[in-house]
């Protein structure tokens, strides 16, 4: 049961993040892009740059800040996914970066934190 709640929270968070990013000038290309290597939550363009976005959502501060969940393993995975995406789509002309959208859903409202250039590409 807990996993279903987790998935629901994640999906809600992705919707909130997509709306937030659009408001901030991002043009969303893909949501939940899946390939053999895994999934990227959101792929968007921001001022000509291609942005691979990881969304982390929490219902409380119990487990720390949501962005703390994007560890080195996740960064490496996202780097591989981004490379795969760029190669598959034959994109060679765009700068790319990794952003994290950290959402804490609180009774008082959602706290949304956008971390641009959250980490560097890890090969």
PDB file of N, CA and C in Angstrom:
ATOM      1  N   UNK A   1       0.835  -1.204   0.000  1.00  0.00           N
ATOM      2  CA  UNK A   1       0.000   0.000   0.000  1.00  0.00           C
ATOM      3  C   UNK A   1       0.874   1.260   0.000  1.00  0.00           C
ATOM      4  N   UNK A   2       1.923   1.224   0.762  1.00  0.00           N
ATOM      5  CA  UNK A   2       2.786   2.391   0.896  1.00  0.00           C
ATOM      6  C   UNK A   2       3.375   2.823  -0.451  1.00  0.00           C
ATOM      7  N   UNK A   3       3.728   1.838  -1.291  1.00  0.00           N
ATOM      8  CA  UNK A   3       4.298   2.154  -2.599  1.00  0.00           C
ATOM      9  C   UNK A   3       3.312   2.906  -3.476  1.00  0.00           C
ATOM     10  N   UNK A   4       2.041   2.533  -3.404  1.00  0.00           N
ATOM     11  CA  UNK A   4       1.012   3.221  -4.175  1.00  0.00           C
ATOM     12  C   UNK A   4       0.946   4.683  -3.759  1.00  0.00           C
ATOM     13  N   UNK A   5       1.027   4.927  -2.459  1.00  0.00           N
ATOM     14  CA  UNK A   5       1.008   6.296  -1.937  1.00  0.00           C
ATOM     15  C   UNK A   5       2.228   7.063  -2.440  1.00  0.00           C
ATOM     16  N   UNK A   6       3.354   6.385  -2.450  1.00  0.00           N
ATOM     17  CA  UNK A   6       4.603   6.971  -2.926  1.00  0.00           C
ATOM     18  C   UNK A   6       4.495   7.375  -4.401  1.00  0.00           C
ATOM     19  N   UNK A   7       3.942   6.476  -5.203  1.00  0.00           N
ATOM     20  CA  UNK A   7       3.781   6.724  -6.627  1.00  0.00           C
ATOM     21  C   UNK A   7       2.817   7.897  -6.848  1.00  0.00           C
ATOM     22  N   UNK A   8       1.712   7.897  -6.085  1.00  0.00           N
ATOM     23  CA  UNK A   8       0.732   8.980  -6.184  1.00  0.00           C
ATOM     24  C   UNK A   8       1.386  10.312  -5.844  1.00  0.00           C
ATOM     25  N   UNK A   9       2.145  10.351  -4.756  1.00  0.00           N
ATOM     26  CA  UNK A   9       2.851  11.569  -4.348  1.00  0.00           C
ATOM     27  C   UNK A   9       3.805  12.011  -5.456  1.00  0.00           C
ATOM     28  N   UNK A  10       4.525  11.068  -6.023  1.00  0.00           N
ATOM     29  CA  UNK A  10       5.462  11.374  -7.102  1.00  0.00           C
ATOM     30  C   UNK A  10       4.779  11.959  -8.317  1.00  0.00           C
ATOM     31  N   UNK A  11       3.671  11.350  -8.721  1.00  0.00           N
ATOM     32  CA  UNK A  11       2.908  11.832  -9.884  1.00  0.00           C
ATOM     33  C   UNK A  11       2.361  13.236  -9.619  1.00  0.00           C
ATOM     34  N   UNK A  12       1.826  13.444  -8.425  1.00  0.00           N
ATOM     35  CA  UNK A  12       1.324  14.767  -8.033  1.00  0.00           C
ATOM     36  C   UNK A  12       2.440  15.787  -8.112  1.00  0.00           C
ATOM     37  N   UNK A  13       3.590  15.400  -7.579  1.00  0.00           N
ATOM     38  CA  UNK A  13       4.756  16.276  -7.581  1.00  0.00           C
ATOM     39  C   UNK A  13       5.182  16.648  -8.992  1.00  0.00           C
ATOM     40  N   UNK A  14       5.136  15.673  -9.902  1.00  0.00           N
ATOM     41  CA  UNK A  14       5.520  15.939 -11.295  1.00  0.00           C
ATOM     42  C   UNK A  14       4.565  16.920 -11.958  1.00  0.00           C
ATOM     43  N   UNK A  15       3.265  16.809 -11.648  1.00  0.00           N
ATOM     44  CA  UNK A  15       2.278  17.760 -12.188  1.00  0.00           C
ATOM     45  C   UNK A  15       2.561  19.172 -11.670  1.00  0.00           C
ATOM     46  N   UNK A  16       2.806  19.262 -10.363  1.00  0.00           N
ATOM     47  CA  UNK A  16       3.097  20.555  -9.731  1.00  0.00           C
ATOM     48  C   UNK A  16       4.369  21.141 -10.357  1.00  0.00           C
ATOM     49  N   UNK A  17       5.390  20.297 -10.508  1.00  0.00           N
ATOM     50  CA  UNK A  17       6.667  20.744 -11.067  1.00  0.00           C
ATOM     51  C   UNK A  17       6.501  21.244 -12.496  1.00  0.00           C
ATOM     52  N   UNK A  18       5.758  20.499 -13.327  1.00  0.00           N
ATOM     53  CA  UNK A  18       5.555  20.889 -14.725  1.00  0.00           C
ATOM     54  C   UNK A  18       4.875  22.254 -14.810  1.00  0.00           C
ATOM     55  N   UNK A  19       3.844  22.461 -14.001  1.00  0.00           N
ATOM     56  CA  UNK A  19       3.135  23.749 -13.984  1.00  0.00           C
ATOM     57  C   UNK A  19       4.066  24.867 -13.537  1.00  0.00           C
ATOM     58  N   UNK A  20       4.863  24.581 -12.510  1.00  0.00           N
ATOM     59  CA  UNK A  20       5.820  25.557 -11.974  1.00  0.00           C
ATOM     60  C   UNK A  20       6.870  25.926 -13.026  1.00  0.00           C
ATOM     61  N   UNK A  21       7.388  24.917 -13.717  1.00  0.00           N
ATOM     62  CA  UNK A  21       8.420  25.154 -14.732  1.00  0.00           C
ATOM     63  C   UNK A  21       7.865  25.984 -15.891  1.00  0.00           C
ATOM     64  N   UNK A  22       6.647  25.665 -16.331  1.00  0.00           N
ATOM     65  CA  UNK A  22       6.008  26.431 -17.413  1.00  0.00           C
ATOM     66  C   UNK A  22       5.882  27.892 -17.018  1.00  0.00           C
ATOM     67  N   UNK A  23       5.446  28.127 -15.774  1.00  0.00           N
ATOM     68  CA  UNK A  23       5.302  29.490 -15.259  1.00  0.00           C
ATOM     69  C   UNK A  23       6.641  30.225 -15.288  1.00  0.00           C
ATOM     70  N   UNK A  24       7.717  29.458 -15.152  1.00  0.00           N
ATOM     71  CA  UNK A  24       9.056  30.057 -15.115  1.00  0.00           C
ATOM     72  C   UNK A  24       9.754  30.019 -16.476  1.00  0.00           C
ATOM     73  N   UNK A  25       8.975  29.869 -17.531  1.00  0.00           N
ATOM     74  CA  UNK A  25       9.522  30.008 -18.877  1.00  0.00           C
ATOM     75  C   UNK A  25      10.092  28.753 -19.516  1.00  0.00           C
ATOM     76  N   UNK A  26       9.995  27.619 -18.855  1.00  0.00           N
ATOM     77  CA  UNK A  26      10.475  26.364 -19.440  1.00  0.00           C
ATOM     78  C   UNK A  26       9.458  25.877 -20.470  1.00  0.00           C
ATOM     79  N   UNK A  27       9.949  25.312 -21.565  1.00  0.00           N
ATOM     80  CA  UNK A  27       9.064  24.661 -22.534  1.00  0.00           C
ATOM     81  C   UNK A  27       9.237  23.155 -22.372  1.00  0.00           C
ATOM     82  N   UNK A  28       8.210  22.489 -21.891  1.00  0.00           N
ATOM     83  CA  UNK A  28       8.265  21.048 -21.607  1.00  0.00           C
ATOM     84  C   UNK A  28       8.231  20.245 -22.906  1.00  0.00           C
ATOM     85  N   UNK A  29       9.205  19.362 -23.079  1.00  0.00           N
ATOM     86  CA  UNK A  29       9.246  18.480 -24.252  1.00  0.00           C
ATOM     87  C   UNK A  29       8.683  17.109 -23.917  1.00  0.00           C
ATOM     88  N   UNK A  30       9.050  16.599 -22.757  1.00  0.00           N
ATOM     89  CA  UNK A  30       8.635  15.242 -22.371  1.00  0.00           C
ATOM     90  C   UNK A  30       8.386  15.194 -20.867  1.00  0.00           C
ATOM     91  N   UNK A  31       7.395  14.385 -20.507  1.00  0.00           N
ATOM     92  CA  UNK A  31       7.185  14.080 -19.083  1.00  0.00           C
ATOM     93  C   UNK A  31       7.243  12.563 -18.963  1.00  0.00           C
ATOM     94  N   UNK A  32       7.969  12.074 -17.988  1.00  0.00           N
ATOM     95  CA  UNK A  32       8.176  10.631 -17.785  1.00  0.00           C
ATOM     96  C   UNK A  32       8.721   9.962 -19.042  1.00  0.00           C
ATOM     97  N   UNK A  33       9.817  10.501 -19.540  1.00  0.00           N
ATOM     98  CA  UNK A  33      10.470   9.883 -20.700  1.00  0.00           C
ATOM     99  C   UNK A  33      11.103   8.568 -20.264  1.00  0.00           C
ATOM    100  N   UNK A  34      10.661   7.474 -20.893  1.00  0.00           N
ATOM    101  CA  UNK A  34      11.182   6.148 -20.527  1.00  0.00           C
ATOM    102  C   UNK A  34      11.995   5.566 -21.667  1.00  0.00           C
ATOM    103  N   UNK A  35      13.070   4.881 -21.306  1.00  0.00           N
ATOM    104  CA  UNK A  35      13.854   4.127 -22.277  1.00  0.00           C
ATOM    105  C   UNK A  35      14.416   2.900 -21.555  1.00  0.00           C
ATOM    106  N   UNK A  36      15.240   2.141 -22.251  1.00  0.00           N
ATOM    107  CA  UNK A  36      15.789   0.914 -21.664  1.00  0.00           C
ATOM    108  C   UNK A  36      16.586   1.178 -20.387  1.00  0.00           C
ATOM    109  N   UNK A  37      17.153   2.352 -20.267  1.00  0.00           N
ATOM    110  CA  UNK A  37      18.000   2.657 -19.106  1.00  0.00           C
ATOM    111  C   UNK A  37      17.222   3.124 -17.882  1.00  0.00           C
ATOM    112  N   UNK A  38      16.000   3.600 -18.117  1.00  0.00           N
ATOM    113  CA  UNK A  38      15.232   4.115 -16.986  1.00  0.00           C
ATOM    114  C   UNK A  38      14.317   5.242 -17.401  1.00  0.00           C
ATOM    115  N   UNK A  39      14.114   6.188 -16.508  1.00  0.00           N
ATOM    116  CA  UNK A  39      13.152   7.260 -16.754  1.00  0.00           C
ATOM    117  C   UNK A  39      13.688   8.612 -16.323  1.00  0.00           C
ATOM    118  N   UNK A  40      13.354   9.623 -17.118  1.00  0.00           N
ATOM    119  CA  UNK A  40      13.643  11.008 -16.750  1.00  0.00           C
ATOM    120  C   UNK A  40      12.285  11.653 -16.485  1.00  0.00           C
ATOM    121  N   UNK A  41      12.150  12.316 -15.332  1.00  0.00           N
ATOM    122  CA  UNK A  41      10.865  12.893 -14.945  1.00  0.00           C
ATOM    123  C   UNK A  41      10.378  13.919 -15.965  1.00  0.00           C
ATOM    124  N   UNK A  42      11.223  14.923 -16.229  1.00  0.00           N
ATOM    125  CA  UNK A  42      10.821  15.978 -17.164  1.00  0.00           C
ATOM    126  C   UNK A  42      12.025  16.384 -18.018  1.00  0.00           C
ATOM    127  N   UNK A  43      11.769  16.556 -19.309  1.00  0.00           N
ATOM    128  CA  UNK A  43      12.778  17.112 -20.206  1.00  0.00           C
ATOM    129  C   UNK A  43      12.170  18.380 -20.773  1.00  0.00           C
ATOM    130  N   UNK A  44      12.919  19.477 -20.702  1.00  0.00           N
ATOM    131  CA  UNK A  44      12.376  20.759 -21.133  1.00  0.00           C
ATOM    132  C   UNK A  44      13.473  21.607 -21.760  1.00  0.00           C
ATOM    133  N   UNK A  45      13.061  22.706 -22.358  1.00  0.00           N
ATOM    134  CA  UNK A  45      14.011  23.694 -22.863  1.00  0.00           C
ATOM    135  C   UNK A  45      13.874  24.964 -22.043  1.00  0.00           C
ATOM    136  N   UNK A  46      15.000  25.532 -21.716  1.00  0.00           N
ATOM    137  CA  UNK A  46      15.034  26.785 -20.974  1.00  0.00           C
ATOM    138  C   UNK A  46      16.048  27.671 -21.662  1.00  0.00           C
ATOM    139  N   UNK A  47      15.571  28.700 -22.328  1.00  0.00           N
ATOM    140  CA  UNK A  47      16.448  29.619 -23.065  1.00  0.00           C
ATOM    141  C   UNK A  47      17.430  28.869 -23.963  1.00  0.00           C
ATOM    142  N   UNK A  48      16.930  27.955 -24.767  1.00  0.00           N
ATOM    143  CA  UNK A  48      17.786  27.257 -25.730  1.00  0.00           C
ATOM    144  C   UNK A  48      18.572  26.093 -25.153  1.00  0.00           C
ATOM    145  N   UNK A  49      18.593  25.982 -23.838  1.00  0.00           N
ATOM    146  CA  UNK A  49      19.304  24.855 -23.220  1.00  0.00           C
ATOM    147  C   UNK A  49      18.337  23.703 -23.013  1.00  0.00           C
ATOM    148  N   UNK A  50      18.830  22.495 -23.195  1.00  0.00           N
ATOM    149  CA  UNK A  50      18.027  21.314 -22.927  1.00  0.00           C
ATOM    150  C   UNK A  50      18.228  20.983 -21.450  1.00  0.00           C
ATOM    151  N   UNK A  51      17.128  20.786 -20.739  1.00  0.00           N
ATOM    152  CA  UNK A  51      17.221  20.569 -19.296  1.00  0.00           C
ATOM    153  C   UNK A  51      16.582  19.233 -18.921  1.00  0.00           C
ATOM    154  N   UNK A  52      17.358  18.415 -18.244  1.00  0.00           N
ATOM    155  CA  UNK A  52      16.880  17.135 -17.730  1.00  0.00           C
ATOM    156  C   UNK A  52      16.552  17.363 -16.260  1.00  0.00           C
ATOM    157  N   UNK A  53      15.297  17.117 -15.907  1.00  0.00           N
ATOM    158  CA  UNK A  53      14.830  17.518 -14.585  1.00  0.00           C
ATOM    159  C   UNK A  53      14.373  16.321 -13.756  1.00  0.00           C
ATOM    160  N   UNK A  54      14.918  16.243 -12.574  1.00  0.00           N
ATOM    161  CA  UNK A  54      14.509  15.233 -11.596  1.00  0.00           C
ATOM    162  C   UNK A  54      13.575  15.925 -10.611  1.00  0.00           C
ATOM    163  N   UNK A  55      12.415  15.314 -10.380  1.00  0.00           N
ATOM    164  CA  UNK A  55      11.456  15.873  -9.441  1.00  0.00           C
ATOM    165  C   UNK A  55      11.459  15.002  -8.186  1.00  0.00           C
ATOM    166  N   UNK A  56      11.628  15.623  -7.047  1.00  0.00           N
ATOM    167  CA  UNK A  56      11.572  14.901  -5.773  1.00  0.00           C
ATOM    168  C   UNK A  56      10.499  15.535  -4.908  1.00  0.00           C
ATOM    169  N   UNK A  57       9.593  14.694  -4.446  1.00  0.00           N
ATOM    170  CA  UNK A  57       8.475  15.194  -3.656  1.00  0.00           C
ATOM    171  C   UNK A  57       8.425  14.497  -2.298  1.00  0.00           C
ATOM    172  N   UNK A  58       8.169  15.284  -1.276  1.00  0.00           N
ATOM    173  CA  UNK A  58       8.021  14.748   0.081  1.00  0.00           C
ATOM    174  C   UNK A  58       6.738  15.300   0.676  1.00  0.00           C
ATOM    175  N   UNK A  59       6.173  14.537   1.593  1.00  0.00           N
ATOM    176  CA  UNK A  59       4.970  14.993   2.307  1.00  0.00           C
ATOM    177  C   UNK A  59       5.328  15.656   3.643  1.00  0.00           C
ATOM    178  N   UNK A  60       6.592  15.473   4.054  1.00  0.00           N
ATOM    179  CA  UNK A  60       7.022  16.082   5.315  1.00  0.00           C
ATOM    180  C   UNK A  60       8.537  16.236   5.289  1.00  0.00           C
ATOM    181  N   UNK A  61       9.070  16.863   6.325  1.00  0.00           N
ATOM    182  CA  UNK A  61      10.510  17.048   6.421  1.00  0.00           C
ATOM    183  C   UNK A  61      11.214  15.891   7.123  1.00  0.00           C
ATOM    184  N   UNK A  62      10.452  14.852   7.457  1.00  0.00           N
ATOM    185  CA  UNK A  62      10.986  13.716   8.208  1.00  0.00           C
ATOM    186  C   UNK A  62      12.240  13.110   7.603  1.00  0.00           C
ATOM    187  N   UNK A  63      12.245  12.950   6.270  1.00  0.00           N
ATOM    188  CA  UNK A  63      13.381  12.302   5.607  1.00  0.00           C
ATOM    189  C   UNK A  63      14.411  13.306   5.101  1.00  0.00           C
ATOM    190  N   UNK A  64      14.313  14.540   5.578  1.00  0.00           N
ATOM    191  CA  UNK A  64      15.217  15.580   5.104  1.00  0.00           C
ATOM    192  C   UNK A  64      14.625  16.271   3.889  1.00  0.00           C
ATOM    193  N   UNK A  65      15.400  17.145   3.288  1.00  0.00           N
ATOM    194  CA  UNK A  65      14.933  17.882   2.116  1.00  0.00           C
ATOM    195  C   UNK A  65      14.833  16.946   0.919  1.00  0.00           C
ATOM    196  N   UNK A  66      13.818  17.152   0.067  1.00  0.00           N
ATOM    197  CA  UNK A  66      13.655  16.260  -1.089  1.00  0.00           C
ATOM    198  C   UNK A  66      14.904  16.211  -1.976  1.00  0.00           C
ATOM    199  N   UNK A  67      15.545  17.359  -2.154  1.00  0.00           N
ATOM    200  CA  UNK A  67      16.713  17.397  -3.050  1.00  0.00           C
ATOM    201  C   UNK A  67      17.887  16.547  -2.545  1.00  0.00           C
ATOM    202  N   UNK A  68      17.886  16.243  -1.247  1.00  0.00           N
ATOM    203  CA  UNK A  68      18.960  15.407  -0.703  1.00  0.00           C
ATOM    204  C   UNK A  68      18.869  13.973  -1.209  1.00  0.00           C
ATOM    205  N   UNK A  69      17.718  13.613  -1.787  1.00  0.00           N
ATOM    206  CA  UNK A  69      17.528  12.261  -2.302  1.00  0.00           C
ATOM    207  C   UNK A  69      18.172  12.070  -3.677  1.00  0.00           C
ATOM    208  N   UNK A  70      18.674  13.160  -4.263  1.00  0.00           N
ATOM    209  CA  UNK A  70      19.339  13.043  -5.568  1.00  0.00           C
ATOM    210  C   UNK A  70      20.835  12.880  -5.312  1.00  0.00           C
ATOM    211  N   UNK A  71      21.190  11.649  -4.967  1.00  0.00           N
ATOM    212  CA  UNK A  71      22.581  11.351  -4.629  1.00  0.00           C
ATOM    213  C   UNK A  71      23.409  11.058  -5.871  1.00  0.00           C
ATOM    214  N   UNK A  72      24.642  10.684  -5.644  1.00  0.00           N
ATOM    215  CA  UNK A  72      25.605  10.448  -6.723  1.00  0.00           C
ATOM    216  C   UNK A  72      25.124   9.338  -7.666  1.00  0.00           C
ATOM    217  N   UNK A  73      24.481   8.317  -7.125  1.00  0.00           N
ATOM    218  CA  UNK A  73      23.992   7.210  -7.942  1.00  0.00           C
ATOM    219  C   UNK A  73      22.919   7.707  -8.918  1.00  0.00           C
ATOM    220  N   UNK A  74      22.013   8.517  -8.395  1.00  0.00           N
ATOM    221  CA  UNK A  74      20.935   9.089  -9.217  1.00  0.00           C
ATOM    222  C   UNK A  74      21.520  10.036 -10.270  1.00  0.00           C
ATOM    223  N   UNK A  75      22.526  10.811  -9.879  1.00  0.00           N
ATOM    224  CA  UNK A  75      23.160  11.749 -10.802  1.00  0.00           C
ATOM    225  C   UNK A  75      23.822  11.009 -11.970  1.00  0.00           C
ATOM    226  N   UNK A  76      24.470   9.895 -11.636  1.00  0.00           N
ATOM    227  CA  UNK A  76      25.132   9.078 -12.648  1.00  0.00           C
ATOM    228  C   UNK A  76      24.089   8.502 -13.615  1.00  0.00           C
ATOM    229  N   UNK A  77      22.994   7.997 -13.057  1.00  0.00           N
ATOM    230  CA  UNK A  77      21.900   7.426 -13.833  1.00  0.00           C
ATOM    231  C   UNK A  77      21.311   8.480 -14.774  1.00  0.00           C
ATOM    232  N   UNK A  78      21.067   9.665 -14.232  1.00  0.00           N
ATOM    233  CA  UNK A  78      20.509  10.745 -15.056  1.00  0.00           C
ATOM    234  C   UNK A  78      21.461  11.159 -16.168  1.00  0.00           C
ATOM    235  N   UNK A  79      22.748  11.142 -15.874  1.00  0.00           N
ATOM    236  CA  UNK A  79      23.752  11.468 -16.882  1.00  0.00           C
ATOM    237  C   UNK A  79      23.688  10.471 -18.038  1.00  0.00           C
ATOM    238  N   UNK A  80      23.577   9.180 -17.703  1.00  0.00           N
ATOM    239  CA  UNK A  80      23.477   8.132 -18.725  1.00  0.00           C
ATOM    240  C   UNK A  80      22.207   8.304 -19.549  1.00  0.00           C
ATOM    241  N   UNK A  81      21.105   8.569 -18.881  1.00  0.00           N
ATOM    242  CA  UNK A  81      19.821   8.765 -19.552  1.00  0.00           C
ATOM    243  C   UNK A  81      19.873   9.969 -20.491  1.00  0.00           C
ATOM    244  N   UNK A  82      20.476  11.042 -20.029  1.00  0.00           N
ATOM    245  CA  UNK A  82      20.579  12.263 -20.838  1.00  0.00           C
ATOM    246  C   UNK A  82      21.398  11.992 -22.098  1.00  0.00           C
ATOM    247  N   UNK A  83      22.493  11.306 -21.930  1.00  0.00           N
ATOM    248  CA  UNK A  83      23.357  10.973 -23.062  1.00  0.00           C
ATOM    249  C   UNK A  83      22.599  10.103 -24.071  1.00  0.00           C
ATOM    250  N   UNK A  84      21.898   9.105 -23.570  1.00  0.00           N
ATOM    251  CA  UNK A  84      21.094   8.218 -24.408  1.00  0.00           C
ATOM    252  C   UNK A  84      20.075   9.035 -25.197  1.00  0.00           C
ATOM    253  N   UNK A  85      19.389   9.945 -24.485  1.00  0.00           N
ATOM    254  CA  UNK A  85      18.357  10.781 -25.096  1.00  0.00           C
ATOM    255  C   UNK A  85      18.948  11.652 -26.214  1.00  0.00           C
ATOM    256  N   UNK A  86      20.055  12.307 -25.922  1.00  0.00           N
ATOM    257  CA  UNK A  86      20.698  13.188 -26.904  1.00  0.00           C
ATOM    258  C   UNK A  86      21.119  12.410 -28.146  1.00  0.00           C
ATOM    259  N   UNK A  87      21.666  11.204 -27.936  1.00  0.00           N
ATOM    260  CA  UNK A  87      22.100  10.379 -29.060  1.00  0.00           C
ATOM    261  C   UNK A  87      20.902   9.896 -29.872  1.00  0.00           C
ATOM    262  N   UNK A  88      19.874   9.389 -29.194  1.00  0.00           N
ATOM    263  CA  UNK A  88      18.687   8.861 -29.874  1.00  0.00           C
ATOM    264  C   UNK A  88      17.970   9.941 -30.679  1.00  0.00           C
ATOM    265  N   UNK A  89      17.902  11.149 -30.101  1.00  0.00           N
ATOM    266  CA  UNK A  89      17.191  12.248 -30.753  1.00  0.00           C
ATOM    267  C   UNK A  89      18.121  13.030 -31.686  1.00  0.00           C
ATOM    268  N   UNK A  90      19.374  12.596 -31.730  1.00  0.00           N
ATOM    269  CA  UNK A  90      20.374  13.229 -32.582  1.00  0.00           C
ATOM    270  C   UNK A  90      20.493  14.732 -32.301  1.00  0.00           C
ATOM    271  N   UNK A  91      20.547  15.076 -31.031  1.00  0.00           N
ATOM    272  CA  UNK A  91      20.671  16.482 -30.627  1.00  0.00           C
ATOM    273  C   UNK A  91      22.138  16.763 -30.326  1.00  0.00           C
ATOM    274  N   UNK A  92      22.723  17.624 -31.141  1.00  0.00           N
ATOM    275  CA  UNK A  92      24.150  17.918 -30.955  1.00  0.00           C
ATOM    276  C   UNK A  92      24.379  19.409 -30.759  1.00  0.00           C
ATOM    277  N   UNK A  93      23.326  20.198 -30.971  1.00  0.00           N
ATOM    278  CA  UNK A  93      23.507  21.653 -31.010  1.00  0.00           C
ATOM    279  C   UNK A  93      23.072  22.365 -29.738  1.00  0.00           C
ATOM    280  N   UNK A  94      22.628  21.617 -28.732  1.00  0.00           N
ATOM    281  CA  UNK A  94      22.088  22.272 -27.534  1.00  0.00           C
ATOM    282  C   UNK A  94      22.988  22.031 -26.334  1.00  0.00           C
ATOM    283  N   UNK A  95      23.132  23.072 -25.524  1.00  0.00           N
ATOM    284  CA  UNK A  95      23.778  22.882 -24.239  1.00  0.00           C
ATOM    285  C   UNK A  95      22.775  22.134 -23.375  1.00  0.00           C
ATOM    286  N   UNK A  96      23.264  21.354 -22.436  1.00  0.00           N
ATOM    287  CA  UNK A  96      22.340  20.612 -21.581  1.00  0.00           C
ATOM    288  C   UNK A  96      22.750  20.781 -20.132  1.00  0.00           C
ATOM    289  N   UNK A  97      21.762  20.684 -19.266  1.00  0.00           N
ATOM    290  CA  UNK A  97      22.057  20.762 -17.829  1.00  0.00           C
ATOM    291  C   UNK A  97      21.043  19.929 -17.063  1.00  0.00           C
ATOM    292  N   UNK A  98      21.319  19.756 -15.788  1.00  0.00           N
ATOM    293  CA  UNK A  98      20.450  18.986 -14.899  1.00  0.00           C
ATOM    294  C   UNK A  98      19.885  19.913 -13.825  1.00  0.00           C
ATOM    295  N   UNK A  99      18.568  19.929 -13.725  1.00  0.00           N
ATOM    296  CA  UNK A  99      17.914  20.702 -12.673  1.00  0.00           C
ATOM    297  C   UNK A  99      17.180  19.728 -11.762  1.00  0.00           C
ATOM    298  N   UNK A 100      16.953  20.152 -10.548  1.00  0.00           N
ATOM    299  CA  UNK A 100      16.145  19.380  -9.614  1.00  0.00           C
ATOM    300  C   UNK A 100      15.012  20.283  -9.137  1.00  0.00           C
ATOM    301  N   UNK A 101      13.799  19.743  -9.149  1.00  0.00           N
ATOM    302  CA  UNK A 101      12.676  20.451  -8.545  1.00  0.00           C
ATOM    303  C   UNK A 101      12.327  19.685  -7.280  1.00  0.00           C
ATOM    304  N   UNK A 102      12.474  20.365  -6.153  1.00  0.00           N
ATOM    305  CA  UNK A 102      12.223  19.751  -4.848  1.00  0.00           C
ATOM    306  C   UNK A 102      10.904  20.308  -4.311  1.00  0.00           C
ATOM    307  N   UNK A 103       9.971  19.408  -4.058  1.00  0.00           N
ATOM    308  CA  UNK A 103       8.653  19.832  -3.595  1.00  0.00           C
ATOM    309  C   UNK A 103       8.367  19.209  -2.235  1.00  0.00           C
ATOM    310  N   UNK A 104       7.988  20.053  -1.292  1.00  0.00           N
ATOM    311  CA  UNK A 104       7.518  19.558  -0.007  1.00  0.00           C
ATOM    312  C   UNK A 104       6.046  19.944   0.096  1.00  0.00           C
ATOM    313  N   UNK A 105       5.184  18.918   0.153  1.00  0.00           N
ATOM    314  CA  UNK A 105       3.742  19.168   0.245  1.00  0.00           C
ATOM    315  C   UNK A 105       3.378  19.322   1.707  1.00  0.00           C
ATOM    316  N   UNK A 106       2.999  20.518   2.073  1.00  0.00           N
ATOM    317  CA  UNK A 106       2.646  20.794   3.464  1.00  0.00           C
ATOM    318  C   UNK A 106       1.178  21.201   3.548  1.00  0.00           C
ATOM    319  N   UNK A 107       0.570  21.011   4.716  1.00  0.00           N
ATOM    320  CA  UNK A 107      -0.834  21.442   4.872  1.00  0.00           C
ATOM    321  C   UNK A 107      -0.995  22.931   4.540  1.00  0.00           C
ATOM    322  N   UNK A 108       0.053  23.717   4.795  1.00  0.00           N
ATOM    323  CA  UNK A 108      -0.002  25.165   4.549  1.00  0.00           C
ATOM    324  C   UNK A 108       0.212  25.513   3.069  1.00  0.00           C
ATOM    325  N   UNK A 109       0.517  24.500   2.269  1.00  0.00           N
ATOM    326  CA  UNK A 109       0.779  24.749   0.850  1.00  0.00           C
ATOM    327  C   UNK A 109       2.071  24.073   0.429  1.00  0.00           C
ATOM    328  N   UNK A 110       2.316  24.049  -0.867  1.00  0.00           N
ATOM    329  CA  UNK A 110       3.513  23.381  -1.370  1.00  0.00           C
ATOM    330  C   UNK A 110       4.717  24.316  -1.362  1.00  0.00           C
ATOM    331  N   UNK A 111       5.831  23.806  -0.878  1.00  0.00           N
ATOM    332  CA  UNK A 111       7.091  24.532  -1.007  1.00  0.00           C
ATOM    333  C   UNK A 111       7.792  23.961  -2.226  1.00  0.00           C
ATOM    334  N   UNK A 112       8.105  24.833  -3.170  1.00  0.00           N
ATOM    335  CA  UNK A 112       8.759  24.378  -4.398  1.00  0.00           C
ATOM    336  C   UNK A 112      10.109  25.064  -4.517  1.00  0.00           C
ATOM    337  N   UNK A 113      11.131  24.257  -4.702  1.00  0.00           N
ATOM    338  CA  UNK A 113      12.485  24.790  -4.845  1.00  0.00           C
ATOM    339  C   UNK A 113      13.052  24.297  -6.175  1.00  0.00           C
ATOM    340  N   UNK A 114      13.464  25.243  -7.015  1.00  0.00           N
ATOM    341  CA  UNK A 114      14.085  24.900  -8.290  1.00  0.00           C
ATOM    342  C   UNK A 114      15.583  25.064  -8.145  1.00  0.00           C
ATOM    343  N   UNK A 115      16.311  23.980  -8.363  1.00  0.00           N
ATOM    344  CA  UNK A 115      17.771  24.039  -8.280  1.00  0.00           C
ATOM    345  C   UNK A 115      18.307  23.872  -9.693  1.00  0.00           C
ATOM    346  N   UNK A 116      18.718  24.991 -10.293  1.00  0.00           N
ATOM    347  CA  UNK A 116      19.263  24.946 -11.643  1.00  0.00           C
ATOM    348  C   UNK A 116      20.697  24.464 -11.575  1.00  0.00           C
ATOM    349  N   UNK A 117      21.109  23.732 -12.591  1.00  0.00           N
ATOM    350  CA  UNK A 117      22.469  23.196 -12.610  1.00  0.00           C
ATOM    351  C   UNK A 117      22.784  22.459 -11.323  1.00  0.00           C
ATOM    352  N   UNK A 118      21.872  21.599 -10.913  1.00  0.00           N
ATOM    353  CA  UNK A 118      21.971  20.927  -9.614  1.00  0.00           C
ATOM    354  C   UNK A 118      23.241  20.084  -9.510  1.00  0.00           C
ATOM    355  N   UNK A 119      23.663  19.505 -10.650  1.00  0.00           N
ATOM    356  CA  UNK A 119      24.890  18.704 -10.652  1.00  0.00           C
ATOM    357  C   UNK A 119      25.454  18.641 -12.054  1.00  0.00           C
ATOM    358  N   UNK A 120      26.692  18.213 -12.155  1.00  0.00           N
ATOM    359  CA  UNK A 120      27.364  18.098 -13.447  1.00  0.00           C
ATOM    360  C   UNK A 120      27.213  16.701 -14.005  1.00  0.00           C
ATOM    361  N   UNK A 121      27.419  16.585 -15.299  1.00  0.00           N
ATOM    362  CA  UNK A 121      27.398  15.308 -15.976  1.00  0.00           C
ATOM    363  C   UNK A 121      28.455  14.389 -15.365  1.00  0.00           C
ATOM    364  N   UNK A 122      28.081  13.142 -15.099  1.00  0.00           N
ATOM    365  CA  UNK A 122      29.031  12.159 -14.572  1.00  0.00           C
ATOM    366  C   UNK A 122      29.104  11.027 -15.573  1.00  0.00           C
ATOM    367  N   UNK A 123      30.305  10.779 -16.114  1.00  0.00           N
ATOM    368  CA  UNK A 123      30.394   9.701 -17.108  1.00  0.00           C
ATOM    369  C   UNK A 123      30.651   8.371 -16.430  1.00  0.00           C
TER     370      UNK A 123
END
